[in-house]
Protein backbone atom coordinates (compact mmCIF):
# COMPACT_ATOMS: atom_id res chain seq x y z
CA UNK A 1 -4.02 -23.54 -50.81
CA UNK A 2 -3.69 -21.80 -47.46
CA UNK A 3 -5.99 -18.84 -46.87
CA UNK A 4 -4.51 -15.38 -46.55
CA UNK A 5 -3.40 -14.35 -43.11
CA UNK A 6 -6.15 -12.57 -41.23
CA UNK A 7 -9.03 -14.28 -43.01
CA UNK A 8 -11.46 -16.18 -40.80
CA UNK A 9 -11.57 -19.24 -43.02
CA UNK A 10 -9.97 -22.64 -43.07
CA UNK A 11 -7.72 -24.11 -45.70
CA UNK A 12 -6.70 -27.53 -47.01
CA UNK A 13 -8.46 -30.79 -46.16
CA UNK A 14 -11.88 -29.19 -46.52
CA UNK A 15 -14.89 -30.77 -44.89
CA UNK A 16 -14.91 -33.73 -47.30
CA UNK A 17 -13.15 -36.10 -44.91
CA UNK A 18 -12.46 -39.49 -46.54
CA UNK A 19 -14.57 -42.44 -45.38
CA UNK A 20 -13.16 -44.50 -42.49
CA UNK A 21 -10.68 -41.75 -41.61
CA UNK A 22 -9.83 -40.73 -38.05
CA UNK A 23 -8.87 -37.04 -38.13
CA UNK A 24 -6.67 -35.38 -35.50
CA UNK A 25 -6.10 -31.67 -34.95
CA UNK A 26 -2.71 -31.06 -33.33
CA UNK A 27 -2.34 -27.84 -31.31
CA UNK A 28 -0.06 -26.72 -28.50
CA UNK A 29 1.16 -23.74 -26.49
CA UNK A 30 -2.10 -21.86 -26.08
CA UNK A 31 -0.67 -19.96 -23.08
CA UNK A 32 -4.07 -18.78 -21.85
CA UNK A 33 -3.58 -15.90 -19.41
CA UNK A 34 -0.52 -14.61 -21.26
CA UNK A 35 0.45 -10.95 -20.95
CA UNK A 36 2.60 -8.92 -23.31
CA UNK A 37 4.10 -6.46 -20.88
CA UNK A 38 1.02 -5.33 -18.97
CA UNK A 39 -1.31 -6.04 -21.88
CA UNK A 40 -3.73 -8.96 -21.75
CA UNK A 41 -4.04 -11.36 -24.69
CA UNK A 42 -7.53 -12.42 -23.62
CA UNK A 43 -9.33 -10.93 -26.65
CA UNK A 44 -6.97 -12.69 -29.05
CA UNK A 45 -7.47 -15.99 -27.23
CA UNK A 46 -11.25 -15.53 -27.35
CA UNK A 47 -11.04 -15.13 -31.12
CA UNK A 48 -8.68 -18.05 -31.54
CA UNK A 49 -10.92 -20.40 -29.56
CA UNK A 50 -13.95 -19.25 -31.53
CA UNK A 51 -12.06 -19.90 -34.76
CA UNK A 52 -10.90 -23.29 -33.45
CA UNK A 53 -14.46 -24.41 -32.73
CA UNK A 54 -15.36 -23.54 -36.32
CA UNK A 55 -12.34 -25.34 -37.72
CA UNK A 56 -13.12 -28.52 -35.76
CA UNK A 57 -16.69 -28.55 -37.06
CA UNK A 58 -15.80 -27.66 -40.65
CA UNK A 59 -13.03 -30.24 -40.96
CA UNK A 60 -14.92 -32.95 -39.04
CA UNK A 61 -12.15 -33.44 -36.49
CA UNK A 62 -12.40 -36.55 -34.32
CA UNK A 63 -9.66 -35.70 -31.82
CA UNK A 64 -8.17 -32.42 -30.60
CA UNK A 65 -4.69 -32.59 -29.04
CA UNK A 66 -3.28 -29.85 -26.82
CA UNK A 67 0.40 -30.74 -26.47
CA UNK A 68 1.18 -28.74 -23.34
CA UNK A 69 1.22 -25.16 -22.04
CA UNK A 70 -2.53 -24.77 -21.98
CA UNK A 71 -1.90 -21.93 -19.54
CA UNK A 72 0.91 -19.42 -19.30
CA UNK A 73 1.52 -20.02 -15.60
CA UNK A 74 1.02 -22.66 -12.93
CA UNK A 75 -1.55 -20.42 -11.24
CA UNK A 76 -3.45 -18.85 -14.16
CA UNK A 77 -5.96 -16.02 -13.75
CA UNK A 78 -9.59 -17.01 -13.39
CA UNK A 79 -10.41 -15.52 -16.78
CA UNK A 80 -8.00 -17.97 -18.44
CA UNK A 81 -9.43 -20.93 -16.51
CA UNK A 82 -12.94 -19.88 -17.54
CA UNK A 83 -11.84 -19.69 -21.19
CA UNK A 84 -10.48 -23.24 -21.03
CA UNK A 85 -13.53 -24.86 -19.46
CA UNK A 86 -15.95 -22.82 -21.54
CA UNK A 87 -14.21 -24.01 -24.69
CA UNK A 88 -14.33 -27.67 -23.62
CA UNK A 89 -18.01 -27.34 -22.75
CA UNK A 90 -18.90 -25.71 -26.07
CA UNK A 91 -16.88 -28.30 -27.98
CA UNK A 92 -18.77 -31.12 -26.28
CA UNK A 93 -22.14 -29.54 -27.03
CA UNK A 94 -21.15 -29.03 -30.66
CA UNK A 95 -20.40 -32.68 -31.44
CA UNK A 96 -18.38 -35.78 -30.64
CA UNK A 97 -14.82 -34.45 -30.95
CA UNK A 98 -12.67 -35.95 -28.20
CA UNK A 99 -9.78 -34.14 -26.53
CA UNK A 100 -6.37 -35.19 -25.16
CA UNK A 101 -4.57 -32.62 -23.01
CA UNK A 102 -1.04 -33.01 -21.61
CA UNK A 103 0.80 -30.64 -19.28
CA UNK A 104 3.63 -28.44 -20.47
CA UNK A 105 6.42 -26.83 -18.49
CA UNK A 106 4.28 -23.72 -17.84
CA UNK A 107 1.33 -25.75 -16.56
CA UNK A 108 0.69 -27.07 -13.07
CA UNK A 109 0.12 -30.83 -13.52
CA UNK A 110 -2.02 -30.88 -10.37
CA UNK A 111 -4.14 -27.99 -11.60
CA UNK A 112 -4.75 -29.68 -14.95
CA UNK A 113 -5.49 -33.10 -13.48
CA UNK A 114 -7.74 -31.93 -10.64
CA UNK A 115 -10.98 -32.21 -12.70
CA UNK A 116 -9.89 -35.16 -14.86
CA UNK A 117 -12.58 -37.55 -13.56
CA UNK A 118 -15.25 -34.96 -14.30
CA UNK A 119 -13.85 -34.24 -17.76
CA UNK A 120 -13.44 -37.89 -18.77
CA UNK A 121 -17.18 -38.54 -19.33
CA UNK A 122 -17.15 -35.42 -21.55
CA UNK A 123 -14.59 -37.02 -23.84
CA UNK A 124 -11.60 -35.12 -22.41
CA UNK A 125 -8.52 -37.05 -21.24
CA UNK A 126 -5.95 -35.12 -19.18
CA UNK A 127 -2.43 -36.30 -18.34
CA UNK A 128 -0.51 -33.90 -16.11
CA UNK A 129 2.00 -36.19 -14.41
CA UNK A 130 3.98 -39.02 -15.97
CA UNK A 131 2.52 -42.17 -14.32
CA UNK A 132 4.56 -45.01 -12.86
CA UNK A 133 2.71 -47.37 -15.20
CA UNK A 134 3.03 -46.04 -18.80
CA UNK A 135 -0.19 -47.86 -19.72
CA UNK A 136 -2.10 -45.25 -17.69
CA UNK A 137 -0.99 -42.60 -20.21
CA UNK A 138 -2.13 -44.62 -23.23
CA UNK A 139 -5.59 -43.88 -24.60
CA UNK A 140 -7.56 -45.87 -27.19
CA UNK A 141 -9.71 -43.66 -29.40
CA UNK A 142 -12.57 -43.38 -30.01
CA UNK A 143 -12.75 -46.25 -27.46
CA UNK A 144 -11.21 -49.56 -26.42
CA UNK A 145 -13.88 -51.59 -28.20
CA UNK A 146 -13.22 -50.01 -31.60
CA UNK A 147 -9.85 -48.25 -31.55
CA UNK A 148 -8.84 -46.26 -34.61
CA UNK A 149 -5.83 -44.70 -32.89
CA UNK A 150 -3.80 -45.21 -29.72
CA UNK A 151 -2.39 -42.04 -28.13
CA UNK A 152 0.62 -42.25 -25.82
CA UNK A 153 -0.11 -39.02 -23.95
CA UNK A 154 3.36 -38.09 -22.70
CA UNK A 155 3.40 -34.76 -20.80
CA UNK A 156 6.37 -32.55 -20.05
CA UNK A 157 8.90 -34.80 -18.34
CA UNK A 158 10.50 -33.08 -15.37
CA UNK A 159 13.94 -33.95 -14.03
CA UNK A 160 12.44 -36.09 -11.29
CA UNK A 161 10.68 -38.16 -13.97
CA UNK A 162 13.96 -38.83 -15.74
CA UNK A 163 16.84 -39.20 -13.32
CA UNK A 164 18.05 -39.35 -9.74
CA UNK A 165 20.63 -36.63 -9.18
CA UNK A 166 23.96 -37.30 -7.51
CA UNK A 167 26.56 -34.93 -6.08
CA UNK A 168 29.52 -34.08 -8.28
CA UNK A 169 27.95 -34.97 -11.62
CA UNK A 170 29.29 -33.15 -14.66
CA UNK A 171 27.12 -31.39 -17.19
CA UNK A 172 27.84 -34.21 -19.63
CA UNK A 173 26.70 -36.85 -17.16
CA UNK A 174 23.48 -34.96 -16.42
CA UNK A 175 22.80 -34.52 -20.13
CA UNK A 176 23.32 -38.25 -20.72
CA UNK A 177 20.93 -39.13 -17.89
CA UNK A 178 18.24 -36.74 -19.11
CA UNK A 179 18.35 -37.84 -22.72
CA UNK A 180 18.51 -41.50 -21.75
CA UNK A 181 15.52 -40.99 -19.45
CA UNK A 182 13.48 -39.35 -22.23
CA UNK A 183 14.32 -42.15 -24.65
CA UNK A 184 13.35 -44.78 -22.09
CA UNK A 185 10.01 -43.10 -21.33
CA UNK A 186 9.08 -43.01 -25.00
CA UNK A 187 10.23 -46.58 -25.53
CA UNK A 188 8.07 -47.77 -22.63
CA UNK A 189 5.15 -45.64 -23.87
CA UNK A 190 5.33 -47.22 -27.33
CA UNK A 191 5.33 -50.74 -25.86
CA UNK A 192 2.40 -49.95 -23.55
CA UNK A 193 0.46 -48.32 -26.40
CA UNK A 194 0.99 -51.31 -28.69
CA UNK A 195 -0.35 -53.69 -26.03
CA UNK A 196 -3.73 -51.94 -26.22
CA UNK A 197 -4.34 -52.82 -29.85
CA UNK A 198 -2.99 -54.91 -32.74
CA UNK A 199 -0.47 -53.65 -35.28
CA UNK A 200 -3.30 -52.57 -37.56
CA UNK A 201 -4.05 -49.63 -35.23
CA UNK A 202 -1.62 -46.68 -35.58
CA UNK A 203 0.14 -45.08 -32.61
CA UNK A 204 0.54 -41.36 -31.89
CA UNK A 205 2.73 -39.84 -29.18
CA UNK A 206 2.60 -36.40 -27.62
CA UNK A 207 5.50 -34.53 -26.09
CA UNK A 208 6.55 -31.21 -24.62
CA UNK A 209 10.29 -30.86 -24.98
CA UNK A 210 13.11 -29.58 -27.17
CA UNK A 211 14.34 -31.49 -30.20
CA UNK A 212 17.82 -30.55 -31.36
CA UNK A 213 18.13 -28.71 -34.65
CA UNK A 214 14.78 -26.92 -34.31
CA UNK A 215 14.24 -23.16 -34.24
CA UNK A 216 13.24 -21.55 -30.97
CA UNK A 217 11.66 -18.16 -30.18
CA UNK A 218 12.52 -15.64 -27.47
CA UNK A 219 9.34 -16.29 -25.44
CA UNK A 220 10.16 -19.91 -24.59
CA UNK A 221 11.36 -20.79 -21.11
CA UNK A 222 14.30 -23.12 -20.60
CA UNK A 223 12.80 -26.44 -19.47
CA UNK A 224 15.84 -28.43 -18.31
CA UNK A 225 18.88 -27.05 -16.53
CA UNK A 226 21.33 -25.57 -18.99
CA UNK A 227 19.23 -26.83 -21.91
CA UNK A 228 20.64 -30.30 -21.25
CA UNK A 229 17.38 -32.15 -21.92
CA UNK A 230 17.26 -31.59 -25.69
CA UNK A 231 17.03 -34.84 -27.66
CA UNK A 232 17.41 -35.89 -31.25
CA UNK A 233 14.45 -36.98 -33.33
CA UNK A 234 15.65 -40.57 -32.99
CA UNK A 235 14.44 -40.48 -29.36
CA UNK A 236 10.95 -41.34 -30.65
CA UNK A 237 10.51 -45.01 -31.61
CA UNK A 238 9.51 -45.70 -35.20
CA UNK A 239 6.41 -47.45 -33.86
CA UNK A 240 4.80 -43.99 -33.65
CA UNK A 241 3.09 -42.95 -36.86
CA UNK A 242 3.02 -39.31 -35.72
CA UNK A 243 4.55 -37.34 -32.84
CA UNK A 244 2.61 -34.21 -31.76
CA UNK A 245 4.99 -31.85 -30.00
CA UNK A 246 4.68 -28.67 -27.99
CA UNK A 247 7.08 -26.16 -26.40
CA UNK A 248 8.71 -24.49 -29.42
CA UNK A 249 6.45 -21.71 -30.67
CA UNK A 250 7.38 -21.83 -34.35
CA UNK A 251 5.61 -24.53 -36.42
CA UNK A 252 8.19 -26.91 -37.86
CA UNK A 253 9.17 -30.49 -38.38
CA UNK A 254 11.65 -32.02 -35.94
CA UNK A 255 13.98 -34.08 -38.08
CA UNK A 256 11.33 -36.28 -39.67
CA UNK A 257 8.11 -35.22 -41.38
CA UNK A 258 6.02 -37.17 -38.88
CA UNK A 259 7.54 -35.39 -35.86
CA UNK A 260 6.00 -31.93 -35.66
CA UNK A 261 5.69 -28.81 -33.56
CA UNK A 262 2.35 -27.16 -34.23
CA UNK A 263 3.64 -23.93 -32.69
CA UNK A 264 1.68 -21.39 -30.67
CA UNK A 265 -1.62 -20.21 -32.23
CA UNK A 266 -0.92 -16.52 -31.54
CA UNK A 267 2.44 -14.69 -31.49
CA UNK A 268 3.46 -14.62 -27.84
CA UNK A 269 6.21 -12.02 -28.14
CA UNK A 270 7.50 -9.46 -30.61
CA UNK A 271 10.12 -12.05 -31.53
CA UNK A 272 7.30 -14.02 -33.17
CA UNK A 273 5.88 -10.94 -34.94
CA UNK A 274 6.63 -12.24 -38.44
CA UNK A 275 5.85 -15.91 -37.81
CA UNK A 276 3.14 -17.76 -39.70
CA UNK A 277 0.84 -19.48 -37.19
CA UNK A 278 -0.86 -22.80 -37.83
CA UNK A 279 -2.32 -25.97 -36.40
CA UNK A 280 -2.00 -29.38 -38.06
CA UNK A 281 -4.64 -31.70 -39.45
CA UNK A 282 -3.54 -35.35 -39.41
CA UNK A 283 -5.50 -38.18 -41.03
CA UNK A 284 -5.23 -41.86 -40.06
CA UNK A 285 -6.84 -44.66 -42.07
CA UNK A 286 -6.06 -48.24 -42.98
CA UNK A 287 -3.79 -48.65 -39.98
CA UNK A 288 -1.39 -45.83 -40.88
CA UNK A 289 -0.87 -42.11 -41.29
CA UNK A 290 -2.50 -41.12 -44.56
CA UNK A 291 -1.99 -37.36 -44.74
CA UNK A 292 -1.09 -34.29 -42.73
CA UNK A 293 -1.31 -30.61 -43.58
CA UNK A 294 -1.09 -27.17 -42.03
CA UNK A 295 -4.23 -25.22 -41.24
CA UNK A 296 -3.40 -21.51 -41.12
CA UNK A 297 -4.53 -19.61 -38.05
CA UNK A 298 -5.73 -16.07 -38.80
CA UNK A 299 -3.83 -13.08 -37.43
CA UNK A 300 -6.21 -11.65 -34.87
CA UNK A 301 -3.89 -8.81 -33.83
CA UNK A 302 -0.69 -7.92 -35.73
CA UNK A 303 2.51 -7.60 -33.69
CA UNK A 304 5.06 -5.46 -35.48
CA UNK A 305 8.65 -4.43 -34.90
CA UNK A 306 9.81 -1.11 -36.39
CA UNK A 307 13.36 0.24 -36.51
CA UNK A 308 14.11 3.93 -36.92
CA UNK A 309 16.44 6.76 -35.97
CA UNK A 310 15.64 9.38 -33.35
CA UNK A 311 15.19 12.18 -35.88
CA UNK A 312 12.86 10.05 -37.99
CA UNK A 313 10.67 8.64 -35.21
CA UNK A 314 7.65 10.88 -35.78
CA UNK A 315 7.84 10.57 -39.56
CA UNK A 316 8.14 6.78 -39.33
CA UNK A 317 5.00 6.52 -37.20
CA UNK A 318 3.02 8.99 -39.28
CA UNK A 319 3.77 7.05 -42.46
CA UNK A 320 3.25 3.60 -40.93
CA UNK A 321 0.15 1.75 -42.13
CA UNK A 322 -0.58 -1.46 -40.20
CA UNK A 323 -2.14 -4.53 -41.85
CA UNK A 324 -5.93 -4.58 -41.91
CA UNK A 325 -7.23 -6.00 -38.64
CA UNK A 326 -10.23 -5.63 -36.34
CA UNK A 327 -7.89 -5.25 -33.38
CA UNK A 328 -5.30 -2.45 -33.28
CA UNK A 329 -1.78 -3.56 -34.13
CA UNK A 330 0.77 -3.53 -31.32
CA UNK A 331 4.20 -2.06 -32.05
CA UNK A 332 7.68 -2.34 -30.60
CA UNK A 333 9.97 0.44 -31.87
CA UNK A 334 13.76 0.25 -31.80
CA UNK A 335 15.39 3.69 -31.93
CA UNK A 336 19.01 3.59 -33.04
CA UNK A 337 20.31 6.83 -31.52
CA UNK A 338 18.14 7.87 -28.54
CA UNK A 339 18.80 11.11 -26.68
CA UNK A 340 19.59 10.46 -23.00
CA UNK A 341 16.74 11.49 -20.71
CA UNK A 342 14.17 11.88 -23.48
CA UNK A 343 10.89 10.00 -23.04
CA UNK A 344 10.68 8.28 -26.42
CA UNK A 345 7.71 6.19 -25.37
CA UNK A 346 5.64 9.28 -24.64
CA UNK A 347 6.60 10.80 -28.00
CA UNK A 348 5.70 7.59 -29.84
CA UNK A 349 2.44 7.19 -27.94
CA UNK A 350 1.38 10.75 -28.84
CA UNK A 351 2.16 10.09 -32.51
CA UNK A 352 0.04 6.92 -32.42
CA UNK A 353 -3.01 8.66 -30.91
CA UNK A 354 -6.12 8.13 -33.05
CA UNK A 355 -4.46 5.57 -35.32
CA UNK A 356 -5.17 1.86 -35.76
CA UNK A 357 -2.13 0.80 -33.79
CA UNK A 358 -0.72 1.13 -30.29
CA UNK A 359 2.91 1.53 -29.28
CA UNK A 360 3.62 -0.89 -26.44
CA UNK A 361 7.34 -0.45 -26.13
CA UNK A 362 10.20 1.74 -27.33
CA UNK A 363 13.68 0.29 -26.94
CA UNK A 364 17.09 1.75 -27.61
CA UNK A 365 19.17 0.11 -30.30
CA UNK A 366 22.63 1.60 -29.92
CA UNK A 367 25.66 0.63 -31.93
CA UNK A 368 28.28 2.17 -29.64
CA UNK A 369 29.79 -0.17 -27.01
CA UNK A 370 29.09 0.11 -23.33
CA UNK A 371 32.04 -0.33 -21.00
CA UNK A 372 31.60 -2.09 -17.70
CA UNK A 373 33.33 -4.90 -15.80
CA UNK A 374 30.15 -6.99 -15.49
CA UNK A 375 29.13 -6.74 -19.15
CA UNK A 376 32.43 -6.73 -20.93
CA UNK A 377 33.89 -3.84 -22.89
CA UNK A 378 32.46 -5.00 -26.23
CA UNK A 379 28.82 -5.42 -25.17
CA UNK A 380 26.38 -3.33 -27.23
CA UNK A 381 23.31 -1.70 -25.72
CA UNK A 382 21.06 -4.40 -27.21
CA UNK A 383 23.29 -7.17 -25.90
CA UNK A 384 23.27 -5.57 -22.45
CA UNK A 385 19.48 -5.44 -22.50
CA UNK A 386 19.31 -9.10 -23.52
CA UNK A 387 21.60 -10.03 -20.64
CA UNK A 388 19.13 -8.67 -18.12
CA UNK A 389 16.74 -11.49 -19.06
CA UNK A 390 19.45 -14.16 -19.21
CA UNK A 391 21.01 -14.89 -15.79
CA UNK A 392 23.10 -17.72 -17.24
CA UNK A 393 24.89 -15.32 -19.57
CA UNK A 394 25.47 -12.83 -16.78
CA UNK A 395 26.98 -15.59 -14.64
CA UNK A 396 29.18 -16.71 -17.53
CA UNK A 397 30.44 -13.16 -18.07
CA UNK A 398 31.16 -12.88 -14.35
CA UNK A 399 33.27 -16.00 -14.55
CA UNK A 400 35.18 -14.40 -17.41
CA UNK A 401 36.46 -11.86 -14.86
CA UNK A 402 38.18 -14.69 -12.95
CA UNK A 403 41.20 -15.61 -15.12
CA UNK A 404 42.50 -18.05 -12.52
CA UNK A 405 39.63 -20.52 -13.03
CA UNK A 406 40.53 -23.85 -14.60
CA UNK A 407 38.11 -25.30 -17.20
CA UNK A 408 37.12 -27.97 -14.66
CA UNK A 409 36.37 -25.34 -11.98
CA UNK A 410 34.33 -23.31 -14.44
CA UNK A 411 32.28 -26.34 -15.51
CA UNK A 412 31.46 -27.18 -11.88
CA UNK A 413 30.47 -23.59 -11.09
CA UNK A 414 28.22 -23.39 -14.16
CA UNK A 415 26.64 -26.71 -13.26
CA UNK A 416 26.01 -25.61 -9.66
CA UNK A 417 24.50 -22.34 -10.87
CA UNK A 418 22.15 -24.02 -13.34
CA UNK A 419 21.06 -26.59 -10.77
CA UNK A 420 20.28 -23.83 -8.27
CA UNK A 421 18.29 -21.96 -10.92
CA UNK A 422 16.38 -25.11 -11.74
CA UNK A 423 15.59 -25.82 -8.07
CA UNK A 424 14.43 -22.23 -7.65
CA UNK A 425 12.13 -22.51 -10.69
CA UNK A 426 10.74 -25.84 -9.47
CA UNK A 427 9.99 -24.36 -6.03
CA UNK A 428 8.29 -21.38 -7.68
CA UNK A 429 6.11 -23.68 -9.76
CA UNK A 430 5.27 -25.78 -6.70
CA UNK A 431 4.40 -22.69 -4.71
CA UNK A 432 2.17 -21.42 -7.51
CA UNK A 433 0.37 -24.73 -7.93
CA UNK A 434 -3.03 -24.98 -6.22
CA UNK A 435 -3.36 -27.36 -3.29
CA UNK A 436 -5.05 -30.68 -4.07
CA UNK A 437 -7.27 -31.98 -1.30
């Protein structure tokens, strides 16, 4: 049975690993260097990585997979880079667990791949870019002479990996090209992986993308223009015994039991405050997937959302008792009826002084509508706040103010806007990426 949240112990598949079993630990979305507002998550990541080292040793893991978004940005702070390499070094000194790392949409592929030839002798394989020859992304483990598993290490596939854009394409045409490109990459990866070993050796694929029908969280960044790159679970050939996915931060299956998001190991936003965090242990033996189970990740710092009214703010905070934790809980408070001009954050912070929690943010949660030509007369305060972080919605609402637009004109304008956003994001990522000499 899973251990209680917050306990530094490991559940299910205890150390008694069956004979002749190759055990994989599937993780993703570490987001080292992540901030919550202006607050560093470094301490939580330190504790997670310490816990992870213990879990790998206790459960006799043969292979650790990091399915993208190792870092939170293309140019991570030096503290995050140090955490990453320190972890890999300690893991190598602790035993023979190998590692496969693929880039996610937050990562710089060049940054990840820069030390790959140094890391390879340490048992760490890194795939940042999708190679022209899919065989270069296929890895026999523990080695080519005695493979127990073949990993098709597919990283985040960018638009340029999937299609060649053309002027005047509709959103439907772009979506078809993206999804077809993803399917073709996984089909070619499965063929290349199978060529490395006979049918008696199972295949595993990684991925960093969106599968339709899965649940997202508010901290995830759109990875293809307009969300057009989402695919169905049938995009992954049945030749793969397991598909280890990253990008969505909530652990879940993606259509089939063997296609899984491990989720992020710590809650990355208040939207994930109530989520259960886990990594996945996957056992291969006898040429096939034998078992898989969730391994609960402890809660190192609780994130909590509280809702209250203005008159009850002080009482709510005085009566609030956070879950037991070594690290102070972080709170986001939604006040239903704020008084204009009043500094609610300062009031909440004073109430929290000396307690085992910190108030990071106080937001207004109004029920009365806000009028305004850019937001629409029926937009609530919360909806207006959400719009500020969603340019696509703002653009859509602006188009609503142009009644003369035909559906075809609107589609072309939305497509142009999303393509410009995507180009801007790509240029930002390229500018952030370190130069490779």
